[in-house]
All heavy atoms as atom14 arrays in JSON, in Angstrom:
{
  "sequence": "IGPVFRHERPQRGRYRQFHQIDVEALGFAGP",
  "atom14_mask": [
    [1, 1, 1, 1, 1, 1, 1, 1, 0, 0, 0, 0, 0, 0],
    [1, 1, 1, 1, 0, 0, 0, 0, 0, 0, 0, 0, 0, 0],
    [1, 1, 1, 1, 1, 1, 1, 0, 0, 0, 0, 0, 0, 0],
    [1, 1, 1, 1, 1, 1, 1, 0, 0, 0, 0, 0, 0, 0],
    [1, 1, 1, 1, 1, 1, 1, 1, 1, 1, 1, 0, 0, 0],
    [1, 1, 1, 1, 1, 1, 1, 1, 1, 1, 1, 0, 0, 0],
    [1, 1, 1, 1, 1, 1, 1, 1, 1, 1, 0, 0, 0, 0],
    [1, 1, 1, 1, 1, 1, 1, 1, 1, 0, 0, 0, 0, 0],
    [1, 1, 1, 1, 1, 1, 1, 1, 1, 1, 1, 0, 0, 0],
    [1, 1, 1, 1, 1, 1, 1, 0, 0, 0, 0, 0, 0, 0],
    [1, 1, 1, 1, 1, 1, 1, 1, 1, 0, 0, 0, 0, 0],
    [1, 1, 1, 1, 1, 1, 1, 1, 1, 1, 1, 0, 0, 0],
    [1, 1, 1, 1, 0, 0, 0, 0, 0, 0, 0, 0, 0, 0],
    [1, 1, 1, 1, 1, 1, 1, 1, 1, 1, 1, 0, 0, 0],
    [1, 1, 1, 1, 1, 1, 1, 1, 1, 1, 1, 1, 0, 0],
    [1, 1, 1, 1, 1, 1, 1, 1, 1, 1, 1, 0, 0, 0],
    [1, 1, 1, 1, 1, 1, 1, 1, 1, 0, 0, 0, 0, 0],
    [1, 1, 1, 1, 1, 1, 1, 1, 1, 1, 1, 0, 0, 0],
    [1, 1, 1, 1, 1, 1, 1, 1, 1, 1, 0, 0, 0, 0],
    [1, 1, 1, 1, 1, 1, 1, 1, 1, 0, 0, 0, 0, 0],
    [1, 1, 1, 1, 1, 1, 1, 1, 0, 0, 0, 0, 0, 0],
    [1, 1, 1, 1, 1, 1, 1, 1, 0, 0, 0, 0, 0, 0],
    [1, 1, 1, 1, 1, 1, 1, 0, 0, 0, 0, 0, 0, 0],
    [1, 1, 1, 1, 1, 1, 1, 1, 1, 0, 0, 0, 0, 0],
    [1, 1, 1, 1, 1, 0, 0, 0, 0, 0, 0, 0, 0, 0],
    [1, 1, 1, 1, 1, 1, 1, 1, 0, 0, 0, 0, 0, 0],
    [1, 1, 1, 1, 0, 0, 0, 0, 0, 0, 0, 0, 0, 0],
    [1, 1, 1, 1, 1, 1, 1, 1, 1, 1, 1, 0, 0, 0],
    [1, 1, 1, 1, 1, 0, 0, 0, 0, 0, 0, 0, 0, 0],
    [1, 1, 1, 1, 0, 0, 0, 0, 0, 0, 0, 0, 0, 0],
    [1, 1, 1, 1, 1, 1, 1, 0, 0, 0, 0, 0, 0, 0]
  ],
  "atom14_positions": [
    [[0.87, -1.18, 0.0], [0.0, 0.0, 0.0], [0.91, 1.23, 0.0], [1.8, 1.34, 0.83], [-0.92, 0.03, 1.24], [-1.83, -1.21, 1.26], [-1.75, 1.31, 1.26], [-2.71, -1.32, 2.51], [0.0, 0.0, 0.0], [0.0, 0.0, 0.0], [0.0, 0.0, 0.0], [0.0, 0.0, 0.0], [0.0, 0.0, 0.0], [0.0, 0.0, 0.0]],
    [[0.69, 2.14, -0.94], [1.54, 3.33, -0.93], [1.33, 4.19, -2.16], [0.5, 3.9, -3.03], [0.0, 0.0, 0.0], [0.0, 0.0, 0.0], [0.0, 0.0, 0.0], [0.0, 0.0, 0.0], [0.0, 0.0, 0.0], [0.0, 0.0, 0.0], [0.0, 0.0, 0.0], [0.0, 0.0, 0.0], [0.0, 0.0, 0.0], [0.0, 0.0, 0.0]],
    [[2.1, 5.3, -2.26], [1.91, 6.26, -3.35], [2.57, 5.8, -4.66], [3.61, 5.16, -4.65], [2.61, 7.53, -2.82], [3.66, 7.01, -1.88], [3.11, 5.75, -1.27], [0.0, 0.0, 0.0], [0.0, 0.0, 0.0], [0.0, 0.0, 0.0], [0.0, 0.0, 0.0], [0.0, 0.0, 0.0], [0.0, 0.0, 0.0], [0.0, 0.0, 0.0]],
    [[1.91, 6.15, -5.76], [2.48, 5.99, -7.1], [2.31, 7.33, -7.83], [1.51, 8.18, -7.41], [1.83, 4.83, -7.89], [2.14, 3.49, -7.26], [0.34, 5.01, -7.99], [0.0, 0.0, 0.0], [0.0, 0.0, 0.0], [0.0, 0.0, 0.0], [0.0, 0.0, 0.0], [0.0, 0.0, 0.0], [0.0, 0.0, 0.0], [0.0, 0.0, 0.0]],
    [[3.06, 7.5, -8.92], [3.16, 8.82, -9.54], [2.97, 8.73, -11.05], [3.66, 7.97, -11.73], [4.54, 9.44, -9.23], [4.82, 9.53, -7.76], [5.35, 8.43, -7.08], [4.55, 10.68, -7.05], [5.6, 8.5, -5.71], [4.78, 10.75, -5.69], [5.31, 9.66, -5.02], [0.0, 0.0, 0.0], [0.0, 0.0, 0.0], [0.0, 0.0, 0.0]],
    [[2.02, 9.49, -11.57], [1.83, 9.57, -13.02], [1.52, 11.01, -13.41], [0.63, 11.65, -12.83], [0.68, 8.66, -13.48], [0.96, 7.19, -13.27], [-0.15, 6.32, -13.83], [-0.04, 4.95, -13.34], [-0.92, 4.0, -13.58], [-1.99, 4.26, -14.32], [-0.74, 2.78, -13.07], [0.0, 0.0, 0.0], [0.0, 0.0, 0.0], [0.0, 0.0, 0.0]],
    [[2.23, 11.5, -14.4], [2.01, 12.87, -14.87], [0.86, 12.86, -15.87], [1.06, 12.89, -17.07], [3.29, 13.44, -15.5], [3.23, 14.93, -15.67], [2.58, 15.52, -16.71], [3.7, 15.93, -14.9], [2.65, 16.84, -16.59], [3.34, 17.11, -15.51], [0.0, 0.0, 0.0], [0.0, 0.0, 0.0], [0.0, 0.0, 0.0], [0.0, 0.0, 0.0]],
    [[-0.36, 12.8, -15.34], [-1.53, 12.81, -16.19], [-2.48, 13.91, -15.73], [-2.27, 14.53, -14.68], [-2.22, 11.44, -16.17], [-2.61, 10.94, -14.79], [-3.17, 9.51, -14.82], [-3.3, 8.93, -15.89], [-3.47, 9.0, -13.74], [0.0, 0.0, 0.0], [0.0, 0.0, 0.0], [0.0, 0.0, 0.0], [0.0, 0.0, 0.0], [0.0, 0.0, 0.0]],
    [[-3.51, 14.14, -16.51], [-4.46, 15.21, -16.17], [-5.22, 14.82, -14.91], [-5.92, 13.81, -14.91], [-5.43, 15.43, -17.34], [-6.39, 16.59, -17.15], [-7.18, 16.83, -18.43], [-7.91, 15.65, -18.83], [-9.13, 15.3, -18.34], [-9.7, 16.04, -17.41], [-9.73, 14.2, -18.78], [0.0, 0.0, 0.0], [0.0, 0.0, 0.0], [0.0, 0.0, 0.0]],
    [[-5.11, 15.61, -13.83], [-5.85, 15.26, -12.62], [-7.35, 15.2, -12.88], [-7.89, 16.0, -13.63], [-5.51, 16.41, -11.65], [-4.2, 16.96, -12.13], [-4.26, 16.81, -13.63], [0.0, 0.0, 0.0], [0.0, 0.0, 0.0], [0.0, 0.0, 0.0], [0.0, 0.0, 0.0], [0.0, 0.0, 0.0], [0.0, 0.0, 0.0], [0.0, 0.0, 0.0]],
    [[-8.02, 14.21, -12.31], [-9.46, 14.03, -12.48], [-10.0, 13.42, -11.2], [-9.24, 13.1, -10.3], [-9.76, 13.14, -13.69], [-8.98, 11.83, -13.67], [-8.91, 11.15, -15.0], [-9.9, 10.75, -15.46], [-7.78, 11.01, -15.63], [0.0, 0.0, 0.0], [0.0, 0.0, 0.0], [0.0, 0.0, 0.0], [0.0, 0.0, 0.0], [0.0, 0.0, 0.0]],
    [[-11.31, 13.29, -11.14], [-11.92, 12.82, -9.91], [-11.33, 11.47, -9.46], [-11.38, 10.48, -10.19], [-13.43, 12.68, -10.08], [-14.13, 12.22, -8.81], [-15.61, 12.37, -8.9], [-16.24, 11.95, -7.66], [-17.52, 12.08, -7.41], [-18.3, 12.66, -8.3], [-18.02, 11.68, -6.25], [0.0, 0.0, 0.0], [0.0, 0.0, 0.0], [0.0, 0.0, 0.0]],
    [[-10.8, 11.47, -8.28], [-10.27, 10.22, -7.73], [-8.95, 9.77, -8.32], [-8.45, 8.7, -7.98], [0.0, 0.0, 0.0], [0.0, 0.0, 0.0], [0.0, 0.0, 0.0], [0.0, 0.0, 0.0], [0.0, 0.0, 0.0], [0.0, 0.0, 0.0], [0.0, 0.0, 0.0], [0.0, 0.0, 0.0], [0.0, 0.0, 0.0], [0.0, 0.0, 0.0]],
    [[-8.35, 10.55, -9.16], [-7.07, 10.17, -9.75], [-6.19, 11.42, -9.84], [-6.56, 12.38, -10.52], [-7.26, 9.53, -11.12], [-5.96, 9.25, -11.89], [-4.99, 8.33, -11.15], [-5.49, 7.0, -10.99], [-5.33, 6.01, -11.89], [-4.71, 6.22, -13.02], [-5.8, 4.8, -11.63], [0.0, 0.0, 0.0], [0.0, 0.0, 0.0], [0.0, 0.0, 0.0]],
    [[-5.08, 11.4, -9.16], [-4.21, 12.56, -9.11], [-2.82, 12.17, -9.58], [-2.55, 11.02, -9.9], [-4.2, 13.11, -7.68], [-5.6, 13.37, -7.16], [-6.21, 12.48, -6.27], [-6.32, 14.45, -7.6], [-7.51, 12.69, -5.83], [-7.62, 14.68, -7.16], [-8.21, 13.78, -6.29], [-9.49, 13.98, -5.87], [0.0, 0.0, 0.0], [0.0, 0.0, 0.0]],
    [[-1.9, 13.12, -9.63], [-0.54, 12.83, -10.11], [0.25, 12.03, -9.07], [1.09, 11.23, -9.43], [0.16, 14.13, -10.49], [-0.45, 14.7, -11.76], [0.1, 16.05, -12.15], [-0.5, 16.47, -13.42], [-0.31, 17.65, -13.96], [0.46, 18.55, -13.37], [-0.89, 17.96, -15.12], [0.0, 0.0, 0.0], [0.0, 0.0, 0.0], [0.0, 0.0, 0.0]],
    [[0.02, 12.3, -7.81], [0.4, 11.36, -6.77], [-0.88, 10.75, -6.25], [-1.73, 11.44, -5.71], [1.16, 12.03, -5.62], [1.46, 11.01, -4.49], [2.21, 11.6, -3.31], [3.25, 12.22, -3.48], [1.72, 11.41, -2.12], [0.0, 0.0, 0.0], [0.0, 0.0, 0.0], [0.0, 0.0, 0.0], [0.0, 0.0, 0.0], [0.0, 0.0, 0.0]],
    [[-1.04, 9.47, -6.46], [-2.2, 8.79, -5.88], [-1.71, 7.52, -5.19], [-0.52, 7.22, -5.18], [-3.28, 8.51, -6.94], [-2.84, 7.62, -8.09], [-3.22, 6.3, -8.15], [-2.1, 8.13, -9.14], [-2.84, 5.49, -9.2], [-1.71, 7.32, -10.22], [-2.08, 6.0, -10.24], [0.0, 0.0, 0.0], [0.0, 0.0, 0.0], [0.0, 0.0, 0.0]],
    [[-2.61, 6.8, -4.56], [-2.21, 5.67, -3.73], [-2.87, 4.39, -4.24], [-4.01, 4.4, -4.68], [-2.6, 5.93, -2.26], [-1.88, 7.11, -1.68], [-2.22, 8.4, -1.99], [-0.81, 7.18, -0.84], [-1.39, 9.23, -1.35], [-0.55, 8.51, -0.66], [0.0, 0.0, 0.0], [0.0, 0.0, 0.0], [0.0, 0.0, 0.0], [0.0, 0.0, 0.0]],
    [[-2.11, 3.33, -4.17], [-2.62, 2.04, -4.62], [-2.54, 0.99, -3.51], [-1.63, 1.01, -2.69], [-1.8, 1.53, -5.81], [-2.18, 2.15, -7.15], [-1.51, 1.47, -8.33], [-0.54, 0.75, -8.19], [-2.04, 1.72, -9.53], [0.0, 0.0, 0.0], [0.0, 0.0, 0.0], [0.0, 0.0, 0.0], [0.0, 0.0, 0.0], [0.0, 0.0, 0.0]],
    [[-3.53, 0.1, -3.55], [-3.43, -1.18, -2.83], [-3.06, -2.19, -3.91], [-3.83, -2.4, -4.86], [-4.77, -1.57, -2.18], [-5.25, -0.47, -1.23], [-4.65, -2.9, -1.46], [-6.75, -0.51, -0.98], [0.0, 0.0, 0.0], [0.0, 0.0, 0.0], [0.0, 0.0, 0.0], [0.0, 0.0, 0.0], [0.0, 0.0, 0.0], [0.0, 0.0, 0.0]],
    [[-1.91, -2.77, -3.8], [-1.42, -3.69, -4.82], [-1.31, -5.09, -4.22], [-0.65, -5.28, -3.21], [-0.05, -3.21, -5.32], [0.36, -3.92, -6.59], [0.01, -3.45, -7.67], [1.04, -4.96, -6.48], [0.0, 0.0, 0.0], [0.0, 0.0, 0.0], [0.0, 0.0, 0.0], [0.0, 0.0, 0.0], [0.0, 0.0, 0.0], [0.0, 0.0, 0.0]],
    [[-1.97, -6.06, -4.85], [-2.02, -7.42, -4.32], [-1.49, -8.37, -5.39], [-1.95, -8.34, -6.53], [-3.48, -7.78, -3.93], [-3.56, -9.23, -3.45], [-3.98, -6.83, -2.83], [0.0, 0.0, 0.0], [0.0, 0.0, 0.0], [0.0, 0.0, 0.0], [0.0, 0.0, 0.0], [0.0, 0.0, 0.0], [0.0, 0.0, 0.0], [0.0, 0.0, 0.0]],
    [[-0.52, -9.21, -5.02], [0.12, -10.09, -5.99], [0.2, -11.52, -5.44], [0.61, -11.73, -4.29], [1.55, -9.61, -6.32], [1.67, -8.12, -6.65], [1.07, -7.71, -7.99], [0.61, -8.6, -8.74], [1.04, -6.5, -8.29], [0.0, 0.0, 0.0], [0.0, 0.0, 0.0], [0.0, 0.0, 0.0], [0.0, 0.0, 0.0], [0.0, 0.0, 0.0]],
    [[-0.2, -12.48, -6.26], [-0.03, -13.9, -5.95], [1.06, -14.43, -6.89], [0.82, -14.63, -8.08], [-1.34, -14.65, -6.13], [0.0, 0.0, 0.0], [0.0, 0.0, 0.0], [0.0, 0.0, 0.0], [0.0, 0.0, 0.0], [0.0, 0.0, 0.0], [0.0, 0.0, 0.0], [0.0, 0.0, 0.0], [0.0, 0.0, 0.0], [0.0, 0.0, 0.0]],
    [[2.27, -14.62, -6.36], [3.44, -14.95, -7.17], [3.72, -16.45, -7.1], [3.82, -17.01, -6.01], [4.67, -14.18, -6.66], [4.52, -12.64, -6.58], [5.72, -12.03, -5.87], [4.36, -12.02, -7.95], [0.0, 0.0, 0.0], [0.0, 0.0, 0.0], [0.0, 0.0, 0.0], [0.0, 0.0, 0.0], [0.0, 0.0, 0.0], [0.0, 0.0, 0.0]],
    [[3.83, -17.09, -8.28], [4.16, -18.51, -8.32], [2.95, -19.43, -8.42], [3.08, -20.64, -8.3], [0.0, 0.0, 0.0], [0.0, 0.0, 0.0], [0.0, 0.0, 0.0], [0.0, 0.0, 0.0], [0.0, 0.0, 0.0], [0.0, 0.0, 0.0], [0.0, 0.0, 0.0], [0.0, 0.0, 0.0], [0.0, 0.0, 0.0], [0.0, 0.0, 0.0]],
    [[1.75, -18.87, -8.62], [0.51, -19.66, -8.73], [0.03, -19.67, -10.18], [-0.12, -18.6, -10.78], [-0.58, -19.07, -7.84], [-0.25, -19.08, -6.37], [0.31, -17.97, -5.77], [-0.52, -20.19, -5.59], [0.61, -17.95, -4.41], [-0.23, -20.18, -4.23], [0.34, -19.07, -3.64], [0.0, 0.0, 0.0], [0.0, 0.0, 0.0], [0.0, 0.0, 0.0]],
    [[-0.25, -20.85, -10.71], [-0.57, -20.95, -12.14], [-2.05, -21.14, -12.45], [-2.49, -20.81, -13.54], [0.21, -22.12, -12.75], [0.0, 0.0, 0.0], [0.0, 0.0, 0.0], [0.0, 0.0, 0.0], [0.0, 0.0, 0.0], [0.0, 0.0, 0.0], [0.0, 0.0, 0.0], [0.0, 0.0, 0.0], [0.0, 0.0, 0.0], [0.0, 0.0, 0.0]],
    [[-2.82, -21.67, -11.55], [-4.16, -22.14, -11.9], [-5.24, -21.07, -11.93], [-5.09, -19.99, -11.35], [0.0, 0.0, 0.0], [0.0, 0.0, 0.0], [0.0, 0.0, 0.0], [0.0, 0.0, 0.0], [0.0, 0.0, 0.0], [0.0, 0.0, 0.0], [0.0, 0.0, 0.0], [0.0, 0.0, 0.0], [0.0, 0.0, 0.0], [0.0, 0.0, 0.0]],
    [[-6.37, -21.39, -12.57], [-7.52, -20.47, -12.59], [-8.13, -20.29, -11.21], [-8.85, -19.32, -10.98], [-8.51, -21.15, -13.54], [-8.14, -22.61, -13.52], [-6.66, -22.65, -13.31], [0.0, 0.0, 0.0], [0.0, 0.0, 0.0], [0.0, 0.0, 0.0], [0.0, 0.0, 0.0], [0.0, 0.0, 0.0], [0.0, 0.0, 0.0], [0.0, 0.0, 0.0]]
  ]
}
């Protein structure tokens, strides 16, 4: 969980510094 940065046009709920919850399952192949 933390800030990410994109130089894009600010809009509702999306800014140049915004925050993400990033969830990754690494090493799992199945559906």
